[in-house]
Amino acid sequence: MNAQLMTSEQIRLAALEVLAQQLGPVSMIRFLQQFELGRGDYSVERHAWLAKQDVKTIMESLEQYQTDQKD
């Protein structure tokens, strides 16, 4: 198999086949999950969420969480 003549899709499929053979399906998936890029922009979402919060609200949420955990 000449990699220069293969399409990107063919290379991807061949690589997955080798990974599955060498690592087994579970380890292959664990390996591939390391490269998951995720979605969205965490920094923008965090700033938007924090802009709606104040210390009092956060403390109330924490106290409620602790109460719920005791039940």
N, C-alpha and C. Protein backbone atom coordinates (compact mmCIF):
# COMPACT_ATOMS: atom_id res chain seq x y z
N MET A 1 0.85 -1.18 0.00
CA MET A 1 0.00 0.00 0.00
C MET A 1 0.89 1.24 0.00
N ASN A 2 0.78 2.09 -1.00
CA ASN A 2 1.58 3.29 -1.12
C ASN A 2 0.79 4.47 -0.56
N ALA A 3 1.26 5.04 0.54
CA ALA A 3 0.54 6.12 1.22
C ALA A 3 0.40 7.35 0.32
N GLN A 4 1.32 7.53 -0.61
CA GLN A 4 1.24 8.70 -1.49
C GLN A 4 0.08 8.57 -2.48
N LEU A 5 -0.35 7.37 -2.74
CA LEU A 5 -1.44 7.15 -3.69
C LEU A 5 -2.79 7.01 -2.99
N MET A 6 -2.78 6.98 -1.67
CA MET A 6 -4.01 6.78 -0.91
C MET A 6 -4.70 8.11 -0.64
N THR A 7 -6.02 8.09 -0.57
CA THR A 7 -6.77 9.28 -0.17
C THR A 7 -6.65 9.44 1.35
N SER A 8 -7.00 10.58 1.85
CA SER A 8 -6.99 10.81 3.30
C SER A 8 -7.89 9.82 4.01
N GLU A 9 -9.03 9.52 3.43
CA GLU A 9 -9.97 8.57 4.03
C GLU A 9 -9.37 7.17 4.07
N GLN A 10 -8.69 6.77 3.02
CA GLN A 10 -8.06 5.46 2.99
C GLN A 10 -6.96 5.35 4.05
N ILE A 11 -6.19 6.41 4.21
CA ILE A 11 -5.14 6.43 5.24
C ILE A 11 -5.77 6.33 6.62
N ARG A 12 -6.84 7.07 6.85
CA ARG A 12 -7.51 7.05 8.15
C ARG A 12 -8.03 5.65 8.47
N LEU A 13 -8.68 5.02 7.52
CA LEU A 13 -9.21 3.67 7.73
C LEU A 13 -8.10 2.65 7.97
N ALA A 14 -7.00 2.77 7.22
CA ALA A 14 -5.88 1.84 7.40
C ALA A 14 -5.27 2.04 8.79
N ALA A 15 -5.15 3.28 9.23
CA ALA A 15 -4.59 3.56 10.55
C ALA A 15 -5.49 3.00 11.65
N LEU A 16 -6.79 3.15 11.51
CA LEU A 16 -7.71 2.60 12.50
C LEU A 16 -7.62 1.09 12.56
N GLU A 17 -7.45 0.47 11.42
CA GLU A 17 -7.31 -0.99 11.37
C GLU A 17 -6.05 -1.44 12.11
N VAL A 18 -4.94 -0.74 11.89
CA VAL A 18 -3.69 -1.08 12.57
C VAL A 18 -3.83 -0.86 14.07
N LEU A 19 -4.43 0.26 14.46
CA LEU A 19 -4.63 0.52 15.89
C LEU A 19 -5.48 -0.57 16.54
N ALA A 20 -6.54 -0.95 15.89
CA ALA A 20 -7.42 -1.98 16.43
C ALA A 20 -6.68 -3.31 16.57
N GLN A 21 -5.86 -3.65 15.59
CA GLN A 21 -5.11 -4.90 15.63
C GLN A 21 -4.06 -4.88 16.74
N GLN A 22 -3.38 -3.78 16.88
CA GLN A 22 -2.27 -3.70 17.84
C GLN A 22 -2.72 -3.44 19.27
N LEU A 23 -3.76 -2.63 19.43
CA LEU A 23 -4.20 -2.23 20.76
C LEU A 23 -5.45 -2.96 21.25
N GLY A 24 -6.23 -3.44 20.32
CA GLY A 24 -7.54 -3.96 20.67
C GLY A 24 -8.54 -2.82 20.63
N PRO A 25 -9.81 -3.13 20.49
CA PRO A 25 -10.81 -2.07 20.29
C PRO A 25 -10.93 -1.10 21.46
N VAL A 26 -10.86 -1.59 22.69
CA VAL A 26 -11.04 -0.70 23.85
C VAL A 26 -9.88 0.28 23.97
N SER A 27 -8.66 -0.23 23.87
CA SER A 27 -7.50 0.65 23.97
C SER A 27 -7.43 1.61 22.79
N MET A 28 -7.88 1.15 21.63
CA MET A 28 -7.90 2.03 20.46
C MET A 28 -8.82 3.22 20.73
N ILE A 29 -10.00 2.95 21.26
CA ILE A 29 -10.94 4.03 21.56
C ILE A 29 -10.36 4.97 22.60
N ARG A 30 -9.75 4.42 23.64
CA ARG A 30 -9.13 5.26 24.67
C ARG A 30 -8.05 6.14 24.07
N PHE A 31 -7.27 5.61 23.16
CA PHE A 31 -6.23 6.38 22.49
C PHE A 31 -6.85 7.51 21.67
N LEU A 32 -7.87 7.18 20.90
CA LEU A 32 -8.50 8.19 20.04
C LEU A 32 -9.19 9.29 20.85
N GLN A 33 -9.70 8.96 22.03
CA GLN A 33 -10.37 9.96 22.86
C GLN A 33 -9.42 11.03 23.35
N GLN A 34 -8.14 10.75 23.37
CA GLN A 34 -7.16 11.74 23.78
C GLN A 34 -7.12 12.92 22.82
N PHE A 35 -7.58 12.72 21.62
CA PHE A 35 -7.49 13.74 20.59
C PHE A 35 -8.82 14.40 20.27
N GLU A 36 -9.82 14.13 21.08
CA GLU A 36 -11.14 14.75 20.89
C GLU A 36 -11.00 16.25 21.12
N LEU A 37 -11.41 17.02 20.16
CA LEU A 37 -11.26 18.46 20.25
C LEU A 37 -12.39 19.13 21.04
N GLY A 38 -13.49 18.45 21.18
CA GLY A 38 -14.60 19.06 21.89
C GLY A 38 -15.30 20.10 21.02
N ARG A 39 -16.21 20.82 21.63
CA ARG A 39 -16.98 21.81 20.88
C ARG A 39 -17.12 23.06 21.72
N GLY A 40 -17.32 24.16 21.05
CA GLY A 40 -17.54 25.41 21.75
C GLY A 40 -16.24 26.06 22.19
N ASP A 41 -16.40 27.16 22.91
CA ASP A 41 -15.26 27.91 23.42
C ASP A 41 -15.43 28.03 24.93
N TYR A 42 -14.69 27.21 25.66
CA TYR A 42 -14.85 27.15 27.11
C TYR A 42 -14.66 28.51 27.76
N SER A 43 -13.67 29.28 27.33
CA SER A 43 -13.40 30.58 27.95
C SER A 43 -14.57 31.53 27.79
N VAL A 44 -15.13 31.60 26.60
CA VAL A 44 -16.28 32.48 26.35
C VAL A 44 -17.47 32.01 27.18
N GLU A 45 -17.73 30.70 27.19
CA GLU A 45 -18.86 30.17 27.96
C GLU A 45 -18.68 30.41 29.45
N ARG A 46 -17.46 30.23 29.95
CA ARG A 46 -17.18 30.45 31.38
C ARG A 46 -17.41 31.90 31.76
N HIS A 47 -16.91 32.83 30.94
CA HIS A 47 -17.10 34.25 31.24
C HIS A 47 -18.58 34.63 31.21
N ALA A 48 -19.31 34.07 30.28
CA ALA A 48 -20.75 34.35 30.21
C ALA A 48 -21.46 33.82 31.44
N TRP A 49 -21.08 32.62 31.88
CA TRP A 49 -21.70 32.02 33.07
C TRP A 49 -21.33 32.81 34.32
N LEU A 50 -20.06 33.15 34.46
CA LEU A 50 -19.62 33.87 35.66
C LEU A 50 -20.19 35.28 35.73
N ALA A 51 -20.47 35.88 34.59
CA ALA A 51 -21.02 37.24 34.59
C ALA A 51 -22.39 37.27 35.25
N LYS A 52 -23.08 36.14 35.25
CA LYS A 52 -24.42 36.05 35.84
C LYS A 52 -24.37 35.68 37.32
N GLN A 53 -23.19 35.42 37.86
CA GLN A 53 -23.05 34.96 39.22
C GLN A 53 -22.43 36.04 40.11
N ASP A 54 -22.81 36.03 41.37
CA ASP A 54 -22.11 36.84 42.36
C ASP A 54 -21.77 35.91 43.52
N VAL A 55 -20.97 36.38 44.45
CA VAL A 55 -20.52 35.53 45.53
C VAL A 55 -21.71 34.98 46.34
N LYS A 56 -22.71 35.81 46.57
CA LYS A 56 -23.86 35.37 47.35
C LYS A 56 -24.58 34.20 46.66
N THR A 57 -24.80 34.33 45.38
CA THR A 57 -25.48 33.28 44.61
C THR A 57 -24.66 31.99 44.62
N ILE A 58 -23.36 32.11 44.44
CA ILE A 58 -22.49 30.94 44.45
C ILE A 58 -22.54 30.25 45.81
N MET A 59 -22.48 31.03 46.89
CA MET A 59 -22.53 30.46 48.24
C MET A 59 -23.87 29.77 48.50
N GLU A 60 -24.95 30.38 48.05
CA GLU A 60 -26.26 29.76 48.22
C GLU A 60 -26.33 28.43 47.47
N SER A 61 -25.78 28.40 46.27
CA SER A 61 -25.76 27.15 45.49
C SER A 61 -24.94 26.09 46.19
N LEU A 62 -23.79 26.48 46.72
CA LEU A 62 -22.93 25.55 47.44
C LEU A 62 -23.63 25.00 48.68
N GLU A 63 -24.27 25.87 49.43
CA GLU A 63 -24.99 25.43 50.63
C GLU A 63 -26.13 24.48 50.27
N GLN A 64 -26.83 24.78 49.20
CA GLN A 64 -27.92 23.90 48.75
C GLN A 64 -27.37 22.54 48.33
N TYR A 65 -26.26 22.56 47.62
CA TYR A 65 -25.62 21.31 47.19
C TYR A 65 -25.23 20.47 48.41
N GLN A 66 -24.63 21.11 49.40
CA GLN A 66 -24.22 20.38 50.60
C GLN A 66 -25.43 19.81 51.34
N THR A 67 -26.50 20.56 51.40
CA THR A 67 -27.73 20.07 52.03
C THR A 67 -28.29 18.88 51.29
N ASP A 68 -28.30 18.96 49.97
CA ASP A 68 -28.81 17.87 49.15
C ASP A 68 -27.96 16.60 49.31
N GLN A 69 -26.66 16.76 49.50
CA GLN A 69 -25.77 15.60 49.65
C GLN A 69 -26.00 14.88 50.97
N LYS A 70 -26.46 15.58 51.97
CA LYS A 70 -26.70 14.97 53.29
C LYS A 70 -27.96 14.10 53.28
N ASP A 71 -28.89 14.42 52.40
CA ASP A 71 -30.18 13.68 52.35
C ASP A 71 -30.06 12.35 51.73
